[in-house]
Protein backbone atom coordinates (compact mmCIF):
# COMPACT_ATOMS: atom_id res chain seq x y z
CA MET A 1 -8.76 6.75 -11.36
CA THR A 2 -8.82 2.84 -13.44
CA GLU A 3 -11.60 1.24 -12.10
CA MET A 4 -11.06 -0.42 -8.62
CA LYS A 5 -9.96 -3.98 -8.56
CA PRO A 6 -11.54 -6.13 -6.00
CA VAL A 7 -10.58 -6.46 -2.55
CA HIS A 8 -8.87 -9.87 -2.04
CA ALA A 9 -8.43 -11.91 0.95
CA MET A 10 -4.86 -11.50 0.77
CA PRO A 11 -3.47 -9.37 -2.20
CA ASP A 12 -2.27 -10.80 -5.03
CA SER A 13 1.43 -10.41 -6.00
CA GLU A 14 1.11 -8.49 -8.38
CA GLN A 15 -0.50 -5.44 -5.88
CA LEU A 16 1.76 -6.23 -3.46
CA ALA A 17 4.73 -5.91 -5.90
CA HIS A 18 3.10 -2.38 -6.38
CA PHE A 19 2.39 -1.61 -2.63
CA ARG A 20 6.21 -2.42 -1.42
CA LYS A 21 7.22 0.23 -4.41
CA LEU A 22 5.11 3.05 -3.60
CA VAL A 23 6.48 2.70 -0.25
CA GLU A 24 9.80 2.31 -1.46
CA LYS A 25 9.81 4.95 -2.73
CA ALA A 26 7.97 7.61 -0.50
CA ARG A 27 10.05 6.25 2.50
CA VAL A 28 8.54 8.55 5.05
CA GLY A 29 5.13 7.90 6.70
CA MET A 30 3.09 9.94 9.01
CA LEU A 31 2.27 7.48 11.50
CA THR A 32 -1.44 7.76 13.69
CA THR A 33 -1.50 6.34 16.76
CA LEU A 34 -4.25 7.65 19.32
CA ASP A 35 -3.69 9.56 22.07
CA LYS A 36 -4.96 9.17 25.74
CA THR A 37 -7.70 11.31 24.99
CA GLN A 38 -8.81 9.48 21.96
CA GLN A 39 -7.58 12.70 20.02
CA MET A 40 -5.70 10.79 17.06
CA ARG A 41 -1.79 12.63 16.49
CA SER A 42 0.44 11.66 13.42
CA ARG A 43 3.99 12.00 12.66
CA PRO A 44 6.78 11.30 10.06
CA LEU A 45 8.82 8.22 10.21
CA HIS A 46 11.17 6.61 8.10
CA THR A 47 10.14 3.39 6.42
CA ILE A 48 13.26 1.07 7.43
CA GLU A 49 11.86 -1.50 5.87
CA VAL A 50 8.76 -3.01 3.58
CA ASP A 51 8.61 -7.07 3.88
CA HIS A 52 7.84 -9.33 1.79
CA GLN A 53 4.15 -9.96 3.20
CA GLY A 54 3.80 -5.79 2.93
CA ALA A 55 4.77 -5.80 7.28
CA LEU A 56 6.13 -1.46 7.70
CA TRP A 57 9.52 -1.59 9.40
CA PHE A 58 10.74 1.30 11.49
CA VAL A 59 12.83 2.00 14.62
CA VAL A 60 11.51 4.07 17.74
CA SER A 61 12.19 4.93 20.72
CA THR A 62 10.26 2.90 23.74
CA ALA A 63 9.97 6.11 25.66
CA SER A 64 8.23 8.55 22.87
CA PRO A 65 4.62 8.84 22.79
CA LYS A 66 3.83 7.26 19.84
CA ALA A 67 5.39 3.76 21.72
CA GLY A 68 2.86 4.17 25.20
CA GLU A 69 0.27 5.43 22.52
CA VAL A 70 0.49 1.81 20.74
CA ILE A 71 1.01 -0.43 23.52
CA SER A 72 -2.18 1.49 25.09
CA HIS A 73 -4.92 1.05 21.83
CA GLU A 74 -3.89 -2.60 21.17
CA GLY A 75 -1.32 -1.69 18.48
CA ARG A 76 -4.09 0.13 16.10
CA VAL A 77 -2.38 2.23 14.24
CA CYS A 78 -3.30 4.14 10.16
CA VAL A 79 0.06 5.10 8.07
CA SER A 80 0.44 7.26 4.97
CA TYR A 81 2.37 7.98 1.93
CA ALA A 82 2.21 11.23 -0.28
CA ASN A 83 4.26 10.67 -3.45
CA GLY A 84 2.99 14.30 -4.80
CA ALA A 85 4.89 14.92 -7.05
CA ASP A 86 4.31 11.94 -9.14
CA HIS A 87 0.76 11.59 -7.52
CA GLU A 88 1.61 8.06 -5.54
CA TYR A 89 -0.45 8.39 -2.23
CA VAL A 90 -0.52 4.97 0.12
CA SER A 91 -2.93 4.26 3.52
CA VAL A 92 -2.27 1.82 5.78
CA THR A 93 -4.19 0.25 8.56
CA GLY A 94 -3.33 -2.48 11.14
CA HIS A 95 -1.62 -3.35 14.17
CA ALA A 96 2.00 -2.34 15.07
CA GLN A 97 3.88 -4.13 17.66
CA LEU A 98 7.50 -3.07 19.26
CA VAL A 99 9.93 -5.65 18.11
CA HIS A 100 13.00 -5.93 20.47
CA ASP A 101 14.59 -7.86 18.61
CA GLN A 102 18.43 -7.88 18.79
CA ALA A 103 19.74 -9.79 15.21
CA LEU A 104 16.42 -7.48 13.80
CA LYS A 105 17.78 -4.33 15.26
CA GLN A 106 21.19 -4.80 14.19
CA ALA A 107 20.51 -6.22 10.42
CA PHE A 108 17.64 -2.82 9.59
CA TRP A 109 20.41 -0.78 11.14
CA ASN A 110 22.03 2.02 9.22
CA ARG A 111 23.39 5.50 9.67
CA MET A 112 21.72 7.65 8.88
CA ILE A 113 19.29 6.00 11.95
CA ASP A 114 22.64 7.06 14.52
CA VAL A 115 21.59 10.78 13.75
CA TRP A 116 18.06 9.77 15.48
CA PHE A 117 19.86 7.00 18.26
CA PRO A 118 23.23 7.68 18.81
CA LYS A 119 23.95 4.90 21.39
CA GLY A 120 23.44 2.71 18.30
CA ASP A 121 20.83 -0.95 18.12
CA ARG A 122 22.55 -2.39 21.61
CA ASP A 123 20.08 1.13 23.13
CA PRO A 124 17.43 -0.89 25.23
CA GLU A 125 15.79 2.01 24.62
CA VAL A 126 15.58 1.54 20.82
CA ALA A 127 12.59 -1.10 19.50
CA LEU A 128 11.65 -0.88 16.18
CA LEU A 129 8.16 -1.03 15.29
CA LYS A 130 6.60 -3.28 13.32
CA VAL A 131 3.19 -2.20 11.72
CA THR A 132 1.34 -5.48 10.04
CA PRO A 133 -1.14 -4.19 7.42
CA ASP A 134 -4.63 -5.35 8.34
CA ARG A 135 -6.63 -3.48 4.80
CA ALA A 136 -4.08 -0.83 2.07
CA GLU A 137 -5.50 1.14 -0.18
CA TYR A 138 -2.94 2.91 -2.83
CA TRP A 139 -4.02 5.32 -5.53
CA ASP A 140 -1.16 5.53 -8.32
CA GLY A 141 -1.87 8.30 -11.03
CA PRO A 142 -0.21 10.14 -13.60
CA SER A 143 3.06 12.05 -12.98
CA ASN A 144 3.40 14.04 -16.14
CA THR A 145 1.91 16.83 -17.21
CA VAL A 146 1.05 15.44 -21.18
CA THR A 147 -0.58 12.59 -19.17
CA GLN A 148 -2.52 14.13 -16.89
CA LEU A 149 -4.14 16.21 -19.51
CA TYR A 150 -4.78 12.84 -21.63
CA ALA A 151 -7.43 12.13 -18.78
CA PHE A 152 -8.73 14.71 -18.77
CA ALA A 153 -9.50 14.84 -22.23
CA LYS A 154 -10.96 11.23 -21.92
CA ALA A 155 -12.26 11.78 -18.92
CA MET A 156 -14.33 14.41 -20.13
CA ALA A 157 -15.26 12.99 -23.80
CA THR A 158 -15.86 9.91 -22.69
CA GLY A 159 -17.01 9.98 -19.26
CA LYS A 160 -14.15 7.21 -18.67
CA THR A 161 -11.75 7.90 -16.12
CA ASP A 162 -9.18 5.03 -16.25
CA ALA A 163 -6.23 7.33 -17.87
CA PHE A 164 -6.28 9.05 -13.95
CA GLY A 165 -4.01 5.77 -12.71
CA GLU A 166 -4.70 3.10 -10.38
CA ASN A 167 -6.32 2.73 -7.68
CA ALA A 168 -6.10 -0.77 -5.17
CA LYS A 169 -7.66 -2.32 -2.13
CA LEU A 170 -5.62 -4.53 -0.27
CA ALA A 171 -6.53 -6.79 2.41
CA PHE A 172 -4.21 -9.38 4.48
């Protein structure tokens, strides 16, 4: 990986755009919460939106354990994404909240969500889960074998790992 960029108070527009691109490409993130015994629990969630400030949006059932865990632990969560085929990874630590805004639910709703929530966006047990990042980190490595071999050869010859891709830490 290239030398890591310093952590900024707010990601610059290029870093934020790259972060959004990686999350949108992976789409399914592993949401990690703390259960009532303080044990971490992860489960996959489909990301329906990454807004322009970097917030992640999901659709959840208010009756689900994850909704209760978000409420019980001040919204502290982690969401991780992996696109192993292209060597792209993202980790987001932040605060989640349940959002019951009907206009937003309608704006985000699509046919795929109907599979999981057949009563539609007006179901009172359906809410949006908004994860506002405190910090994030991404790794974006070379995806083709030739580039990977070049990165290894360069690292062996020079000791420099910049050809392995990009790594950045973001603070929001």
